[in-house]
PDB file of N, CA and C in Angstrom:
ATOM      1  N   MET A   1       0.850  -1.165   0.000  1.00  0.00           N
ATOM      2  CA  MET A   1       0.000   0.000   0.000  1.00  0.00           C
ATOM      3  C   MET A   1       0.903   1.238   0.000  1.00  0.00           C
ATOM      4  N   ASN A   2       0.529   2.200  -0.839  1.00  0.00           N
ATOM      5  CA  ASN A   2       1.330   3.417  -0.873  1.00  0.00           C
ATOM      6  C   ASN A   2       0.668   4.531  -0.051  1.00  0.00           C
ATOM      7  N   TRP A   3       1.412   5.577   0.164  1.00  0.00           N
ATOM      8  CA  TRP A   3       0.943   6.675   1.021  1.00  0.00           C
ATOM      9  C   TRP A   3      -0.265   7.396   0.440  1.00  0.00           C
ATOM     10  N   LYS A   4      -0.358   7.500  -0.871  1.00  0.00           N
ATOM     11  CA  LYS A   4      -1.494   8.194  -1.484  1.00  0.00           C
ATOM     12  C   LYS A   4      -2.801   7.475  -1.164  1.00  0.00           C
ATOM     13  N   SER A   5      -2.797   6.175  -1.256  1.00  0.00           N
ATOM     14  CA  SER A   5      -4.004   5.396  -0.942  1.00  0.00           C
ATOM     15  C   SER A   5      -4.361   5.524   0.536  1.00  0.00           C
ATOM     16  N   PHE A   6      -3.347   5.489   1.391  1.00  0.00           N
ATOM     17  CA  PHE A   6      -3.583   5.609   2.832  1.00  0.00           C
ATOM     18  C   PHE A   6      -4.184   6.973   3.176  1.00  0.00           C
ATOM     19  N   ILE A   7      -3.609   8.034   2.645  1.00  0.00           N
ATOM     20  CA  ILE A   7      -4.103   9.388   2.929  1.00  0.00           C
ATOM     21  C   ILE A   7      -5.510   9.566   2.365  1.00  0.00           C
ATOM     22  N   ALA A   8      -5.760   9.070   1.161  1.00  0.00           N
ATOM     23  CA  ALA A   8      -7.099   9.179   0.574  1.00  0.00           C
ATOM     24  C   ALA A   8      -8.128   8.444   1.438  1.00  0.00           C
ATOM     25  N   GLY A   9      -7.783   7.265   1.935  1.00  0.00           N
ATOM     26  CA  GLY A   9      -8.689   6.513   2.812  1.00  0.00           C
ATOM     27  C   GLY A   9      -8.926   7.213   4.137  1.00  0.00           C
ATOM     28  N   ALA A  10      -7.862   7.782   4.703  1.00  0.00           N
ATOM     29  CA  ALA A  10      -7.993   8.495   5.982  1.00  0.00           C
ATOM     30  C   ALA A  10      -8.869   9.735   5.829  1.00  0.00           C
ATOM     31  N   VAL A  11      -8.658  10.491   4.762  1.00  0.00           N
ATOM     32  CA  VAL A  11      -9.469  11.693   4.523  1.00  0.00           C
ATOM     33  C   VAL A  11     -10.927  11.304   4.299  1.00  0.00           C
ATOM     34  N   THR A  12     -11.169  10.265   3.535  1.00  0.00           N
ATOM     35  CA  THR A  12     -12.537   9.796   3.304  1.00  0.00           C
ATOM     36  C   THR A  12     -13.192   9.380   4.614  1.00  0.00           C
ATOM     37  N   GLY A  13     -12.460   8.684   5.465  1.00  0.00           N
ATOM     38  CA  GLY A  13     -12.989   8.271   6.769  1.00  0.00           C
ATOM     39  C   GLY A  13     -13.318   9.456   7.655  1.00  0.00           C
ATOM     40  N   LEU A  14     -12.444  10.456   7.675  1.00  0.00           N
ATOM     41  CA  LEU A  14     -12.694  11.656   8.479  1.00  0.00           C
ATOM     42  C   LEU A  14     -13.927  12.413   7.991  1.00  0.00           C
ATOM     43  N   ILE A  15     -14.050  12.571   6.692  1.00  0.00           N
ATOM     44  CA  ILE A  15     -15.213  13.271   6.138  1.00  0.00           C
ATOM     45  C   ILE A  15     -16.486  12.485   6.433  1.00  0.00           C
ATOM     46  N   GLY A  16     -16.442  11.174   6.259  1.00  0.00           N
ATOM     47  CA  GLY A  16     -17.610  10.335   6.566  1.00  0.00           C
ATOM     48  C   GLY A  16     -17.991  10.408   8.032  1.00  0.00           C
ATOM     49  N   GLY A  17     -16.997  10.377   8.921  1.00  0.00           N
ATOM     50  CA  GLY A  17     -17.261  10.485  10.356  1.00  0.00           C
ATOM     51  C   GLY A  17     -17.866  11.822  10.724  1.00  0.00           C
ATOM     52  N   TYR A  18     -17.368  12.887  10.127  1.00  0.00           N
ATOM     53  CA  TYR A  18     -17.904  14.225  10.389  1.00  0.00           C
ATOM     54  C   TYR A  18     -19.363  14.321   9.941  1.00  0.00           C
ATOM     55  N   CYS A  19     -19.656  13.829   8.744  1.00  0.00           N
ATOM     56  CA  CYS A  19     -21.035  13.865   8.236  1.00  0.00           C
ATOM     57  C   CYS A  19     -21.962  13.022   9.109  1.00  0.00           C
ATOM     58  N   LEU A  20     -21.513  11.865   9.532  1.00  0.00           N
ATOM     59  CA  LEU A  20     -22.320  11.002  10.393  1.00  0.00           C
ATOM     60  C   LEU A  20     -22.606  11.686  11.727  1.00  0.00           C
ATOM     61  N   ARG A  21     -21.612  12.356  12.286  1.00  0.00           N
ATOM     62  CA  ARG A  21     -21.809  13.072  13.551  1.00  0.00           C
ATOM     63  C   ARG A  21     -22.860  14.161  13.399  1.00  0.00           C
ATOM     64  N   LYS A  22     -22.827  14.891  12.300  1.00  0.00           N
ATOM     65  CA  LYS A  22     -23.814  15.947  12.065  1.00  0.00           C
ATOM     66  C   LYS A  22     -25.225  15.373  11.972  1.00  0.00           C
ATOM     67  N   VAL A  23     -25.373  14.251  11.311  1.00  0.00           N
ATOM     68  CA  VAL A  23     -26.688  13.620  11.188  1.00  0.00           C
ATOM     69  C   VAL A  23     -27.181  13.150  12.553  1.00  0.00           C
ATOM     70  N   LEU A  24     -26.312  12.561  13.346  1.00  0.00           N
ATOM     71  CA  LEU A  24     -26.709  12.046  14.653  1.00  0.00           C
ATOM     72  C   LEU A  24     -27.001  13.157  15.656  1.00  0.00           C
ATOM     73  N   GLU A  25     -26.430  14.337  15.466  1.00  0.00           N
ATOM     74  CA  GLU A  25     -26.665  15.451  16.378  1.00  0.00           C
ATOM     75  C   GLU A  25     -27.998  16.149  16.135  1.00  0.00           C
ATOM     76  N   GLU A  26     -28.619  15.898  14.985  1.00  0.00           N
ATOM     77  CA  GLU A  26     -29.895  16.546  14.696  1.00  0.00           C
ATOM     78  C   GLU A  26     -30.899  16.203  15.780  1.00  0.00           C
ATOM     79  N   LYS A  27     -31.714  17.174  16.099  1.00  0.00           N
ATOM     80  CA  LYS A  27     -32.725  16.952  17.124  1.00  0.00           C
ATOM     81  C   LYS A  27     -33.819  16.047  16.580  1.00  0.00           C
ATOM     82  N   VAL A  28     -34.129  15.030  17.345  1.00  0.00           N
ATOM     83  CA  VAL A  28     -35.190  14.102  16.985  1.00  0.00           C
ATOM     84  C   VAL A  28     -36.223  14.151  18.103  1.00  0.00           C
ATOM     85  N   PRO A  29     -37.488  14.426  17.771  1.00  0.00           N
ATOM     86  CA  PRO A  29     -38.510  14.493  18.821  1.00  0.00           C
ATOM     87  C   PRO A  29     -38.677  13.158  19.541  1.00  0.00           C
ATOM     88  N   LEU A  30     -39.008  13.249  20.825  1.00  0.00           N
ATOM     89  CA  LEU A  30     -39.330  12.060  21.603  1.00  0.00           C
ATOM     90  C   LEU A  30     -40.657  11.486  21.130  1.00  0.00           C
ATOM     91  N   SER A  31     -40.936  10.280  21.518  1.00  0.00           N
ATOM     92  CA  SER A  31     -42.194   9.635  21.186  1.00  0.00           C
ATOM     93  C   SER A  31     -43.339  10.300  21.945  1.00  0.00           C
ATOM     94  N   GLY A  32     -44.429  10.573  21.245  1.00  0.00           N
ATOM     95  CA  GLY A  32     -45.609  11.137  21.896  1.00  0.00           C
ATOM     96  C   GLY A  32     -46.164  10.208  22.956  1.00  0.00           C
ATOM     97  N   GLU A  33     -46.087   8.900  22.708  1.00  0.00           N
ATOM     98  CA  GLU A  33     -46.579   7.925  23.691  1.00  0.00           C
ATOM     99  C   GLU A  33     -45.783   7.989  24.991  1.00  0.00           C
ATOM    100  N   LYS A  34     -44.479   8.193  24.886  1.00  0.00           N
ATOM    101  CA  LYS A  34     -43.629   8.284  26.077  1.00  0.00           C
ATOM    102  C   LYS A  34     -43.989   9.523  26.900  1.00  0.00           C
ATOM    103  N   ILE A  35     -44.175  10.638  26.235  1.00  0.00           N
ATOM    104  CA  ILE A  35     -44.526  11.877  26.938  1.00  0.00           C
ATOM    105  C   ILE A  35     -45.892  11.737  27.588  1.00  0.00           C
ATOM    106  N   LEU A  36     -46.860  11.159  26.881  1.00  0.00           N
ATOM    107  CA  LEU A  36     -48.193  10.967  27.454  1.00  0.00           C
ATOM    108  C   LEU A  36     -48.125  10.056  28.676  1.00  0.00           C
ATOM    109  N   ALA A  37     -47.340   9.006  28.606  1.00  0.00           N
ATOM    110  CA  ALA A  37     -47.198   8.097  29.756  1.00  0.00           C
ATOM    111  C   ALA A  37     -46.623   8.829  30.966  1.00  0.00           C
ATOM    112  N   ASP A  38     -45.660   9.709  30.742  1.00  0.00           N
ATOM    113  CA  ASP A  38     -45.072  10.474  31.848  1.00  0.00           C
ATOM    114  C   ASP A  38     -46.088  11.426  32.471  1.00  0.00           C
ATOM    115  N   VAL A  39     -46.874  12.100  31.638  1.00  0.00           N
ATOM    116  CA  VAL A  39     -47.887  13.031  32.149  1.00  0.00           C
ATOM    117  C   VAL A  39     -48.967  12.265  32.906  1.00  0.00           C
ATOM    118  N   LYS A  40     -49.390  11.124  32.357  1.00  0.00           N
ATOM    119  CA  LYS A  40     -50.400  10.318  33.046  1.00  0.00           C
ATOM    120  C   LYS A  40     -49.891   9.849  34.405  1.00  0.00           C
ATOM    121  N   GLU A  41     -48.640   9.464  34.471  1.00  0.00           N
ATOM    122  CA  GLU A  41     -48.051   9.022  35.736  1.00  0.00           C
ATOM    123  C   GLU A  41     -48.091  10.143  36.773  1.00  0.00           C
ATOM    124  N   ALA A  42     -47.811  11.358  36.347  1.00  0.00           N
ATOM    125  CA  ALA A  42     -47.852  12.497  37.274  1.00  0.00           C
ATOM    126  C   ALA A  42     -49.276  12.737  37.780  1.00  0.00           C
ATOM    127  N   PHE A  43     -50.266  12.648  36.899  1.00  0.00           N
ATOM    128  CA  PHE A  43     -51.656  12.855  37.309  1.00  0.00           C
ATOM    129  C   PHE A  43     -52.151  11.706  38.186  1.00  0.00           C
ATOM    130  N   LYS A  44     -51.663  10.491  37.942  1.00  0.00           N
ATOM    131  CA  LYS A  44     -52.095   9.334  38.740  1.00  0.00           C
ATOM    132  C   LYS A  44     -51.671   9.458  40.195  1.00  0.00           C
ATOM    133  N   ARG A  45     -50.647  10.234  40.461  1.00  0.00           N
ATOM    134  CA  ARG A  45     -50.226  10.448  41.855  1.00  0.00           C
ATOM    135  C   ARG A  45     -51.297  11.181  42.657  1.00  0.00           C
ATOM    136  N   GLU A  46     -52.179  11.911  41.965  1.00  0.00           N
ATOM    137  CA  GLU A  46     -53.253  12.655  42.632  1.00  0.00           C
ATOM    138  C   GLU A  46     -54.592  11.937  42.561  1.00  0.00           C
ATOM    139  N   GLY A  47     -54.670  10.805  41.889  1.00  0.00           N
ATOM    140  CA  GLY A  47     -55.920  10.063  41.775  1.00  0.00           C
ATOM    141  C   GLY A  47     -56.023   9.368  40.434  1.00  0.00           C
ATOM    142  N   SER A  48     -57.153   8.700  40.221  1.00  0.00           N
ATOM    143  CA  SER A  48     -57.321   7.930  38.984  1.00  0.00           C
ATOM    144  C   SER A  48     -57.620   8.851  37.802  1.00  0.00           C
ATOM    145  N   ILE A  49     -57.366   8.309  36.617  1.00  0.00           N
ATOM    146  CA  ILE A  49     -57.588   9.033  35.365  1.00  0.00           C
ATOM    147  C   ILE A  49     -58.696   8.323  34.607  1.00  0.00           C
ATOM    148  N   ASP A  50     -59.637   9.103  34.063  1.00  0.00           N
ATOM    149  CA  ASP A  50     -60.730   8.529  33.278  1.00  0.00           C
ATOM    150  C   ASP A  50     -60.363   8.384  31.805  1.00  0.00           C
ATOM    151  N   GLY A  51     -59.497   9.249  31.301  1.00  0.00           N
ATOM    152  CA  GLY A  51     -59.123   9.183  29.896  1.00  0.00           C
ATOM    153  C   GLY A  51     -57.991  10.139  29.586  1.00  0.00           C
ATOM    154  N   SER A  52     -57.411   9.959  28.407  1.00  0.00           N
ATOM    155  CA  SER A  52     -56.322  10.837  27.983  1.00  0.00           C
ATOM    156  C   SER A  52     -56.241  10.822  26.465  1.00  0.00           C
ATOM    157  N   TRP A  53     -55.616  11.827  25.913  1.00  0.00           N
ATOM    158  CA  TRP A  53     -55.398  11.902  24.471  1.00  0.00           C
ATOM    159  C   TRP A  53     -54.103  12.659  24.205  1.00  0.00           C
ATOM    160  N   MET A  54     -53.594  12.479  22.996  1.00  0.00           N
ATOM    161  CA  MET A  54     -52.342  13.140  22.627  1.00  0.00           C
ATOM    162  C   MET A  54     -52.286  13.282  21.121  1.00  0.00           C
ATOM    163  N   GLN A  55     -51.897  14.450  20.632  1.00  0.00           N
ATOM    164  CA  GLN A  55     -51.622  14.610  19.210  1.00  0.00           C
ATOM    165  C   GLN A  55     -50.253  13.997  18.956  1.00  0.00           C
ATOM    166  N   MET A  56     -50.172  13.076  18.040  1.00  0.00           N
ATOM    167  CA  MET A  56     -48.928  12.337  17.834  1.00  0.00           C
ATOM    168  C   MET A  56     -47.967  13.017  16.865  1.00  0.00           C
ATOM    169  N   LYS A  57     -48.391  14.126  16.275  1.00  0.00           N
ATOM    170  CA  LYS A  57     -47.506  14.857  15.373  1.00  0.00           C
ATOM    171  C   LYS A  57     -47.094  16.161  16.051  1.00  0.00           C
ATOM    172  N   PRO A  58     -45.787  16.380  16.263  1.00  0.00           N
ATOM    173  CA  PRO A  58     -45.359  17.622  16.904  1.00  0.00           C
ATOM    174  C   PRO A  58     -45.705  18.832  16.039  1.00  0.00           C
ATOM    175  N   GLU A  59     -45.993  19.940  16.704  1.00  0.00           N
ATOM    176  CA  GLU A  59     -46.297  21.174  15.988  1.00  0.00           C
ATOM    177  C   GLU A  59     -45.345  22.273  16.441  1.00  0.00           C
ATOM    178  N   ASP A  60     -45.161  23.269  15.572  1.00  0.00           N
ATOM    179  CA  ASP A  60     -44.304  24.399  15.910  1.00  0.00           C
ATOM    180  C   ASP A  60     -44.972  25.237  16.990  1.00  0.00           C
ATOM    181  N   TYR A  61     -44.159  25.785  17.869  1.00  0.00           N
ATOM    182  CA  TYR A  61     -44.661  26.580  18.992  1.00  0.00           C
ATOM    183  C   TYR A  61     -43.684  27.711  19.251  1.00  0.00           C
ATOM    184  N   GLN A  62     -44.225  28.899  19.466  1.00  0.00           N
ATOM    185  CA  GLN A  62     -43.382  30.045  19.788  1.00  0.00           C
ATOM    186  C   GLN A  62     -44.023  30.837  20.908  1.00  0.00           C
ATOM    187  N   LYS A  63     -43.240  31.135  21.911  1.00  0.00           N
ATOM    188  CA  LYS A  63     -43.680  32.002  22.998  1.00  0.00           C
ATOM    189  C   LYS A  63     -42.582  33.039  23.168  1.00  0.00           C
ATOM    190  N   HIS A  64     -42.910  34.252  22.806  1.00  0.00           N
ATOM    191  CA  HIS A  64     -41.947  35.351  22.766  1.00  0.00           C
ATOM    192  C   HIS A  64     -40.826  34.961  21.805  1.00  0.00           C
ATOM    193  N   ALA A  65     -39.589  34.955  22.236  1.00  0.00           N
ATOM    194  CA  ALA A  65     -38.475  34.658  21.326  1.00  0.00           C
ATOM    195  C   ALA A  65     -38.122  33.173  21.283  1.00  0.00           C
ATOM    196  N   LEU A  66     -38.777  32.350  22.104  1.00  0.00           N
ATOM    197  CA  LEU A  66     -38.444  30.930  22.174  1.00  0.00           C
ATOM    198  C   LEU A  66     -39.275  30.128  21.179  1.00  0.00           C
ATOM    199  N   LYS A  67     -38.596  29.322  20.383  1.00  0.00           N
ATOM    200  CA  LYS A  67     -39.261  28.478  19.394  1.00  0.00           C
ATOM    201  C   LYS A  67     -38.885  27.028  19.659  1.00  0.00           C
ATOM    202  N   THR A  68     -39.856  26.138  19.532  1.00  0.00           N
ATOM    203  CA  THR A  68     -39.608  24.709  19.690  1.00  0.00           C
ATOM    204  C   THR A  68     -40.742  23.943  19.027  1.00  0.00           C
ATOM    205  N   LYS A  69     -40.700  22.646  19.111  1.00  0.00           N
ATOM    206  CA  LYS A  69     -41.817  21.803  18.676  1.00  0.00           C
ATOM    207  C   LYS A  69     -42.459  21.241  19.929  1.00  0.00           C
ATOM    208  N   ILE A  70     -43.778  21.119  19.892  1.00  0.00           N
ATOM    209  CA  ILE A  70     -44.516  20.649  21.063  1.00  0.00           C
ATOM    210  C   ILE A  70     -45.502  19.559  20.681  1.00  0.00           C
ATOM    211  N   TYR A  71     -45.922  18.818  21.689  1.00  0.00           N
ATOM    212  CA  TYR A  71     -47.069  17.926  21.596  1.00  0.00           C
ATOM    213  C   TYR A  71     -48.169  18.538  22.451  1.00  0.00           C
ATOM    214  N   ARG A  72     -49.406  18.410  22.001  1.00  0.00           N
ATOM    215  CA  ARG A  72     -50.565  18.802  22.800  1.00  0.00           C
ATOM    216  C   ARG A  72     -51.276  17.532  23.238  1.00  0.00           C
ATOM    217  N   GLY A  73     -51.805  17.573  24.450  1.00  0.00           N
ATOM    218  CA  GLY A  73     -52.527  16.420  24.956  1.00  0.00           C
ATOM    219  C   GLY A  73     -53.509  16.832  26.023  1.00  0.00           C
ATOM    220  N   GLY A  74     -54.255  15.855  26.513  1.00  0.00           N
ATOM    221  CA  GLY A  74     -55.245  16.145  27.536  1.00  0.00           C
ATOM    222  C   GLY A  74     -55.450  14.973  28.474  1.00  0.00           C
ATOM    223  N   ILE A  75     -55.939  15.296  29.662  1.00  0.00           N
ATOM    224  CA  ILE A  75     -56.225  14.316  30.712  1.00  0.00           C
ATOM    225  C   ILE A  75     -57.621  14.600  31.244  1.00  0.00           C
ATOM    226  N   MET A  76     -58.407  13.540  31.455  1.00  0.00           N
ATOM    227  CA  MET A  76     -59.725  13.664  32.083  1.00  0.00           C
ATOM    228  C   MET A  76     -59.732  12.835  33.355  1.00  0.00           C
ATOM    229  N   ARG A  77     -60.302  13.415  34.406  1.00  0.00           N
ATOM    230  CA  ARG A  77     -60.407  12.687  35.665  1.00  0.00           C
ATOM    231  C   ARG A  77     -61.655  13.153  36.402  1.00  0.00           C
ATOM    232  N   THR A  78     -62.092  12.340  37.354  1.00  0.00           N
ATOM    233  CA  THR A  78     -63.217  12.698  38.209  1.00  0.00           C
ATOM    234  C   THR A  78     -62.674  12.875  39.616  1.00  0.00           C
ATOM    235  N   ARG A  79     -62.982  14.019  40.195  1.00  0.00           N
ATOM    236  CA  ARG A  79     -62.522  14.309  41.548  1.00  0.00           C
ATOM    237  C   ARG A  79     -63.693  14.898  42.328  1.00  0.00           C
ATOM    238  N   ASP A  80     -64.006  14.267  43.448  1.00  0.00           N
ATOM    239  CA  ASP A  80     -65.142  14.675  44.285  1.00  0.00           C
ATOM    240  C   ASP A  80     -66.443  14.705  43.482  1.00  0.00           C
ATOM    241  N   GLY A  81     -66.608  13.723  42.585  1.00  0.00           N
ATOM    242  CA  GLY A  81     -67.821  13.612  41.784  1.00  0.00           C
ATOM    243  C   GLY A  81     -67.904  14.604  40.637  1.00  0.00           C
ATOM    244  N   GLU A  82     -66.881  15.378  40.428  1.00  0.00           N
ATOM    245  CA  GLU A  82     -66.878  16.387  39.365  1.00  0.00           C
ATOM    246  C   GLU A  82     -65.835  16.025  38.314  1.00  0.00           C
ATOM    247  N   ARG A  83     -66.251  16.048  37.052  1.00  0.00           N
ATOM    248  CA  ARG A  83     -65.330  15.737  35.958  1.00  0.00           C
ATOM    249  C   ARG A  83     -64.432  16.940  35.699  1.00  0.00           C
ATOM    250  N   GLN A  84     -63.133  16.673  35.642  1.00  0.00           N
ATOM    251  CA  GLN A  84     -62.153  17.715  35.355  1.00  0.00           C
ATOM    252  C   GLN A  84     -61.391  17.337  34.088  1.00  0.00           C
ATOM    253  N   GLN A  85     -61.171  18.334  33.236  1.00  0.00           N
ATOM    254  CA  GLN A  85     -60.406  18.119  32.012  1.00  0.00           C
ATOM    255  C   GLN A  85     -59.260  19.123  31.978  1.00  0.00           C
ATOM    256  N   PHE A  86     -58.100  18.632  31.601  1.00  0.00           N
ATOM    257  CA  PHE A  86     -56.913  19.469  31.505  1.00  0.00           C
ATOM    258  C   PHE A  86     -56.279  19.273  30.142  1.00  0.00           C
ATOM    259  N   GLU A  87     -55.728  20.333  29.602  1.00  0.00           N
ATOM    260  CA  GLU A  87     -54.925  20.244  28.392  1.00  0.00           C
ATOM    261  C   GLU A  87     -53.497  20.588  28.786  1.00  0.00           C
ATOM    262  N   PHE A  88     -52.533  19.945  28.147  1.00  0.00           N
ATOM    263  CA  PHE A  88     -51.133  20.243  28.439  1.00  0.00           C
ATOM    264  C   PHE A  88     -50.353  20.413  27.151  1.00  0.00           C
ATOM    265  N   ILE A  89     -49.245  21.115  27.281  1.00  0.00           N
ATOM    266  CA  ILE A  89     -48.306  21.321  26.186  1.00  0.00           C
ATOM    267  C   ILE A  89     -46.957  20.814  26.683  1.00  0.00           C
ATOM    268  N   ALA A  90     -46.330  19.931  25.901  1.00  0.00           N
ATOM    269  CA  ALA A  90     -45.036  19.361  26.297  1.00  0.00           C
ATOM    270  C   ALA A  90     -44.015  19.563  25.185  1.00  0.00           C
ATOM    271  N   ASP A  91     -42.804  19.891  25.565  1.00  0.00           N
ATOM    272  CA  ASP A  91     -41.714  20.055  24.613  1.00  0.00           C
ATOM    273  C   ASP A  91     -41.426  18.707  23.951  1.00  0.00           C
ATOM    274  N   ALA A  92     -41.401  18.687  22.628  1.00  0.00           N
ATOM    275  CA  ALA A  92     -41.232  17.430  21.894  1.00  0.00           C
ATOM    276  C   ALA A  92     -39.818  16.863  22.010  1.00  0.00           C
ATOM    277  N   TYR A  93     -38.837  17.693  22.322  1.00  0.00           N
ATOM    278  CA  TYR A  93     -37.456  17.223  22.390  1.00  0.00           C
ATOM    279  C   TYR A  93     -37.042  16.773  23.785  1.00  0.00           C
ATOM    280  N   THR A  94     -37.575  17.432  24.820  1.00  0.00           N
ATOM    281  CA  THR A  94     -37.164  17.106  26.190  1.00  0.00           C
ATOM    282  C   THR A  94     -38.234  16.360  26.968  1.00  0.00           C
ATOM    283  N   GLY A  95     -39.494  16.488  26.544  1.00  0.00           N
ATOM    284  CA  GLY A  95     -40.597  15.881  27.276  1.00  0.00           C
ATOM    285  C   GLY A  95     -41.090  16.736  28.428  1.00  0.00           C
ATOM    286  N   SER A  96     -40.465  17.874  28.655  1.00  0.00           N
ATOM    287  CA  SER A  96     -40.868  18.763  29.750  1.00  0.00           C
ATOM    288  C   SER A  96     -42.239  19.361  29.470  1.00  0.00           C
ATOM    289  N   VAL A  97     -43.090  19.345  30.485  1.00  0.00           N
ATOM    290  CA  VAL A  97     -44.411  19.954  30.353  1.00  0.00           C
ATOM    291  C   VAL A  97     -44.237  21.461  30.482  1.00  0.00           C
ATOM    292  N   LEU A  98     -44.662  22.191  29.455  1.00  0.00           N
ATOM    293  CA  LEU A  98     -44.511  23.638  29.443  1.00  0.00           C
ATOM    294  C   LEU A  98     -45.700  24.341  30.076  1.00  0.00           C
ATOM    295  N   ASP A  99     -46.888  23.725  29.970  1.00  0.00           N
ATOM    296  CA  ASP A  99     -48.088  24.347  30.530  1.00  0.00           C
ATOM    297  C   ASP A  99     -49.167  23.286  30.714  1.00  0.00           C
ATOM    298  N   VAL A 100     -49.961  23.441  31.764  1.00  0.00           N
ATOM    299  CA  VAL A 100     -51.145  22.615  32.020  1.00  0.00           C
ATOM    300  C   VAL A 100     -52.245  23.576  32.426  1.00  0.00           C
ATOM    301  N   TYR A 101     -53.418  23.426  31.811  1.00  0.00           N
ATOM    302  CA  TYR A 101     -54.517  24.325  32.155  1.00  0.00           C
ATOM    303  C   TYR A 101     -55.842  23.587  32.023  1.00  0.00           C
ATOM    304  N   PRO A 102     -56.822  23.956  32.862  1.00  0.00           N
ATOM    305  CA  PRO A 102     -58.138  23.317  32.783  1.00  0.00           C
ATOM    306  C   PRO A 102     -58.887  23.810  31.547  1.00  0.00           C
ATOM    307  N   ILE A 103     -59.720  22.930  30.990  1.00  0.00           N
ATOM    308  CA  ILE A 103     -60.554  23.338  29.849  1.00  0.00           C
ATOM    309  C   ILE A 103     -62.011  23.088  30.172  1.00  0.00           C
TER     310      ILE A 103
END
C-alpha cells in the first residue's frame, strides 16, 4: 500500500465520520406515547384518570423569542364527583411539560 491510498482513505474516513456526527446530532422528537405516559403518571399520583389523548404529530410553537416543537394532549379525571379536564403542552425534544390548564 502506498501513502497516497492511505491518505485518501484516511481523509474519506474523516469526512464520513464528520457527516455522520452531524446527522446524529440533529434533534429528533421524543415519542408522543412516552410523553403521554409520563404526564399520566404524574396525574395518577393525585388520583385515577378517566381518559387521555395526545396529538402524535409535533407542531411548531413560539412564545416570545423561544421556538420549539410541542405535543398537545389532555387528561380527564373525576374528583369529588366532578369531571375535570386538563390540556397540556409538552416540549417534543425534552418531554418537559410547558403548561397545564383546565378546559
